[in-house]
Protein backbone atom coordinates (compact mmCIF):
# COMPACT_ATOMS: atom_id res chain seq x y z
CA UNK A 1 13.73 16.88 13.12
CA UNK A 2 10.32 18.09 12.01
CA UNK A 3 8.88 17.28 8.53
CA UNK A 4 9.15 20.87 7.51
CA UNK A 5 12.78 20.91 8.57
CA UNK A 6 13.52 17.69 6.63
CA UNK A 7 11.83 19.09 3.51
CA UNK A 8 13.78 22.32 3.70
CA UNK A 9 17.03 20.45 4.05
CA UNK A 10 16.05 18.12 1.18
CA UNK A 11 15.24 21.09 -0.98
CA UNK A 12 18.77 22.49 -0.27
CA UNK A 13 20.41 19.31 -1.45
CA UNK A 14 21.58 18.16 2.02
CA UNK A 15 22.95 14.65 1.58
CA UNK A 16 22.48 13.84 5.34
CA UNK A 17 18.81 14.78 5.08
CA UNK A 18 18.42 12.37 2.08
CA UNK A 19 19.88 9.62 4.17
CA UNK A 20 17.31 10.40 7.04
CA UNK A 21 14.56 10.64 4.46
CA UNK A 22 15.56 7.26 2.98
CA UNK A 23 15.69 5.57 6.40
CA UNK A 24 12.40 7.01 7.31
CA UNK A 25 10.41 5.94 4.28
CA UNK A 26 12.19 2.99 2.73
CA UNK A 27 10.15 0.25 4.41
CA UNK A 28 6.84 2.02 3.87
CA UNK A 29 7.47 2.40 0.08
CA UNK A 30 9.07 -0.99 -0.35
CA UNK A 31 6.03 -2.64 1.42
CA UNK A 32 3.62 -0.70 -0.79
CA UNK A 33 5.51 -1.83 -3.93
CA UNK A 34 5.49 -5.43 -2.66
CA UNK A 35 1.76 -5.28 -2.03
CA UNK A 36 1.08 -3.83 -5.37
CA UNK A 37 3.39 -5.87 -7.53
CA UNK A 38 3.61 -8.99 -5.60
CA UNK A 39 7.41 -9.66 -5.83
CA UNK A 40 10.55 -8.43 -4.13
CA UNK A 41 12.44 -7.47 -7.27
CA UNK A 42 9.74 -5.12 -8.49
CA UNK A 43 9.22 -3.71 -5.00
CA UNK A 44 12.89 -2.86 -4.85
CA UNK A 45 12.60 -1.13 -8.27
CA UNK A 46 9.55 0.88 -7.02
CA UNK A 47 11.41 1.95 -3.95
CA UNK A 48 14.39 3.02 -5.83
CA UNK A 49 12.39 4.92 -8.48
CA UNK A 50 10.13 6.54 -5.86
CA UNK A 51 12.88 7.77 -3.62
CA UNK A 52 15.11 8.97 -6.53
CA UNK A 53 12.09 10.87 -8.06
CA UNK A 54 11.14 12.28 -4.70
CA UNK A 55 14.69 13.61 -4.20
CA UNK A 56 14.82 14.89 -7.79
CA UNK A 57 11.45 16.74 -7.54
CA UNK A 58 11.43 17.73 -3.81
CA UNK A 59 11.80 21.42 -4.95
CA UNK A 60 8.30 21.08 -6.51
CA UNK A 61 6.79 19.80 -3.29
CA UNK A 62 4.43 22.65 -2.06
CA UNK A 63 3.57 21.17 1.32
CA UNK A 64 -0.16 21.12 0.64
CA UNK A 65 -0.22 17.40 1.73
CA UNK A 66 1.88 15.32 4.07
CA UNK A 67 5.19 14.21 2.65
CA UNK A 68 4.05 10.60 2.95
CA UNK A 69 0.96 11.28 0.81
CA UNK A 70 3.18 12.89 -1.82
CA UNK A 71 5.50 9.78 -1.73
CA UNK A 72 2.53 7.38 -2.04
CA UNK A 73 1.49 9.30 -5.19
CA UNK A 74 5.02 8.98 -6.64
CA UNK A 75 5.04 5.28 -5.66
CA UNK A 76 1.57 4.62 -7.22
CA UNK A 77 2.77 6.27 -10.42
CA UNK A 78 5.90 4.12 -10.38
CA UNK A 79 3.72 1.01 -9.88
CA UNK A 80 1.43 1.94 -12.74
CA UNK A 81 4.46 2.66 -14.98
CA UNK A 82 6.10 -0.70 -14.15
CA UNK A 83 2.89 -2.67 -14.80
CA UNK A 84 2.36 -0.92 -18.11
CA UNK A 85 5.99 -1.50 -19.18
CA UNK A 86 6.23 -5.15 -18.06
CA UNK A 87 2.78 -6.70 -18.42
CA UNK A 88 4.14 -9.61 -16.31
CA UNK A 89 2.45 -12.29 -14.19
CA UNK A 90 2.84 -11.93 -10.47
CA UNK A 91 4.61 -14.70 -8.59
CA UNK A 92 2.80 -15.35 -5.30
CA UNK A 93 5.73 -17.48 -3.98
CA UNK A 94 7.76 -14.33 -3.74
CA UNK A 95 5.37 -12.55 -1.42
CA UNK A 96 6.68 -12.51 2.13
CA UNK A 97 4.09 -13.99 4.41
CA UNK A 98 4.32 -11.16 6.99
CA UNK A 99 4.27 -8.24 4.57
CA UNK A 100 0.53 -7.91 4.19
CA UNK A 101 -0.60 -9.20 7.58
CA UNK A 102 1.47 -10.27 10.59
CA UNK A 103 0.35 -13.45 12.18
CA UNK A 104 -0.59 -13.27 15.88
CA UNK A 105 2.71 -14.31 17.42
CA UNK A 106 1.04 -15.35 20.71
CA UNK A 107 -1.01 -18.09 19.08
CA UNK A 108 1.03 -21.31 19.33
CA UNK A 109 -1.68 -23.46 17.74
CA UNK A 110 -0.15 -24.72 14.46
CA UNK A 111 -3.67 -25.48 13.06
CA UNK A 112 -4.83 -21.90 13.62
CA UNK A 113 -1.58 -20.53 12.18
CA UNK A 114 -1.88 -22.69 9.10
CA UNK A 115 -5.51 -21.57 8.55
CA UNK A 116 -4.44 -17.88 8.87
CA UNK A 117 -1.64 -18.37 6.38
CA UNK A 118 -3.98 -19.97 3.92
CA UNK A 119 -6.50 -17.11 4.34
CA UNK A 120 -3.66 -14.56 3.84
CA UNK A 121 -2.55 -16.36 0.67
CA UNK A 122 -6.09 -16.32 -0.61
CA UNK A 123 -6.54 -12.63 0.10
CA UNK A 124 -3.17 -11.68 -1.37
CA UNK A 125 -4.13 -13.73 -4.54
CA UNK A 126 -7.54 -11.92 -4.67
CA UNK A 127 -6.02 -8.44 -4.18
CA UNK A 128 -3.57 -9.05 -7.04
CA UNK A 129 -6.50 -9.94 -9.31
CA UNK A 130 -8.21 -6.62 -8.75
CA UNK A 131 -7.93 -4.10 -11.57
CA UNK A 132 -5.23 -1.55 -10.80
CA UNK A 133 -7.58 1.39 -10.32
CA UNK A 134 -9.25 -0.49 -7.51
CA UNK A 135 -6.20 -2.30 -6.09
CA UNK A 136 -4.30 0.88 -5.21
CA UNK A 137 -7.09 2.52 -3.20
CA UNK A 138 -7.73 -0.82 -1.37
CA UNK A 139 -4.04 -1.19 -0.43
CA UNK A 140 -3.75 2.39 0.58
CA UNK A 141 -6.82 2.33 2.82
CA UNK A 142 -7.06 -1.19 4.25
CA UNK A 143 -3.34 -2.09 4.44
CA UNK A 144 -1.46 1.27 4.66
CA UNK A 145 -4.11 2.99 6.72
CA UNK A 146 -4.59 6.19 4.64
CA UNK A 147 -7.85 8.05 5.02
CA UNK A 148 -10.14 8.82 2.05
CA UNK A 149 -8.77 12.39 1.65
CA UNK A 150 -5.16 11.21 1.50
CA UNK A 151 -6.11 8.48 -1.09
CA UNK A 152 -7.80 11.17 -3.27
CA UNK A 153 -4.64 13.19 -3.06
CA UNK A 154 -2.34 10.24 -3.80
CA UNK A 155 -4.42 9.26 -6.89
CA UNK A 156 -5.19 12.84 -7.86
CA UNK A 157 -8.93 12.03 -7.93
CA UNK A 158 -11.94 13.47 -6.18
CA UNK A 159 -12.82 12.47 -2.66
CA UNK A 160 -16.01 10.96 -3.91
CA UNK A 161 -14.20 8.97 -6.55
CA UNK A 162 -11.81 7.71 -3.96
CA UNK A 163 -14.67 6.44 -1.86
CA UNK A 164 -16.41 4.91 -4.83
CA UNK A 165 -13.32 3.09 -5.94
CA UNK A 166 -12.70 1.77 -2.48
CA UNK A 167 -16.25 0.54 -2.18
CA UNK A 168 -16.10 -1.15 -5.62
CA UNK A 169 -12.71 -2.61 -4.73
CA UNK A 170 -14.18 -4.26 -1.63
CA UNK A 171 -17.13 -5.61 -3.49
CA UNK A 172 -14.85 -7.02 -6.23
CA UNK A 173 -12.53 -8.45 -3.57
CA UNK A 174 -15.43 -10.19 -1.90
CA UNK A 175 -16.54 -11.70 -5.20
CA UNK A 176 -13.03 -12.80 -6.15
CA UNK A 177 -12.49 -14.46 -2.71
CA UNK A 178 -15.80 -16.22 -3.12
CA UNK A 179 -14.78 -17.44 -6.62
CA UNK A 180 -11.40 -18.61 -5.21
CA UNK A 181 -13.00 -20.48 -2.37
CA UNK A 182 -15.39 -22.14 -4.85
CA UNK A 183 -12.48 -23.08 -7.06
CA UNK A 184 -10.75 -24.63 -4.12
CA UNK A 185 -13.79 -26.70 -3.11
CA UNK A 186 -14.25 -27.88 -6.78
CA UNK A 187 -10.62 -29.16 -6.80
CA UNK A 188 -11.24 -31.45 -3.78
């Protein structure tokens, strides 16, 4: 089934189409929520809110962007709403190791795998310290693989602003990682 056919069936209220839609996008939206919020409970809430809102407002979808771009916009709004309503601290223990970056399964060296896990933890921690307006574009580009135009559509900002936010996010991330590494050395 093509995306246009799926959208048409969703707009007509087809329950089977909603099930197909859910299966196709549930992991994408859940992982986005997990990367943004940092815990599984909030990621599940983001998934539920995003897919319900998408189904509720599918009649308003004009098809000017890809369906996935539209879903990321809804998910980003849900993440922002959740953050504003809860103002909670993220638990890094709840992040699943392979959600942000999958380890190289072919590498059997425990020392190398340990180092990679530690680097991943450090980067996750740094990403979660980024201000929200920079965290979302970074996740969308560097983790989800969206291009600059799609990011501007998701965030409803100009293409230039999307590029600027991404550039600033990377600079901030570098600085945060350096600070975290320095803190780690000071603790030894």
